[in-house]
């Protein structure tokens, strides 16, 4: 790692990350627009859960996952305006994640499918997309109905 940066986190303690791994979100995440720099951290090596940790706010982290792991047909159109904001040239340069809410009962984990985050891996830019006209839920139970 050429550009090692130390970040403090309340969840993981002090982390050393490569500056090249930091994603900039020009508009932040809904409700956290002042936080613009994040890094993706693996939860465990075999887990599909990851953490989106703020670089500048130690107690701000979101659990994220690739929605294709629990909804293989999940898809949406990325507008040209959104593509321009994160400098997307090729779809292959992007990954998509959704924010999860994990209650004490893991059977009730939900995903916000209406607000995916698109990461341009090549440019290290990301944007949360609001799918206002979609039928996707903001509280989709990833393990189905537990009742």
Foldseek 3Di string as FASTA:
>chain_A
DVAWDWAAAPVPGIDTDHPLQKAFECQDAVVPRVQGIWGWACPDPPDQWIKTQGRHDRHDIFIKGQVCVQPVPQDDDDDPVNCVVQVPDDPVQKGKIWTWDADPPNQQIFTQSQWIKIARSVSRYIYTDGNPPDPDHHGHRSNPDPD
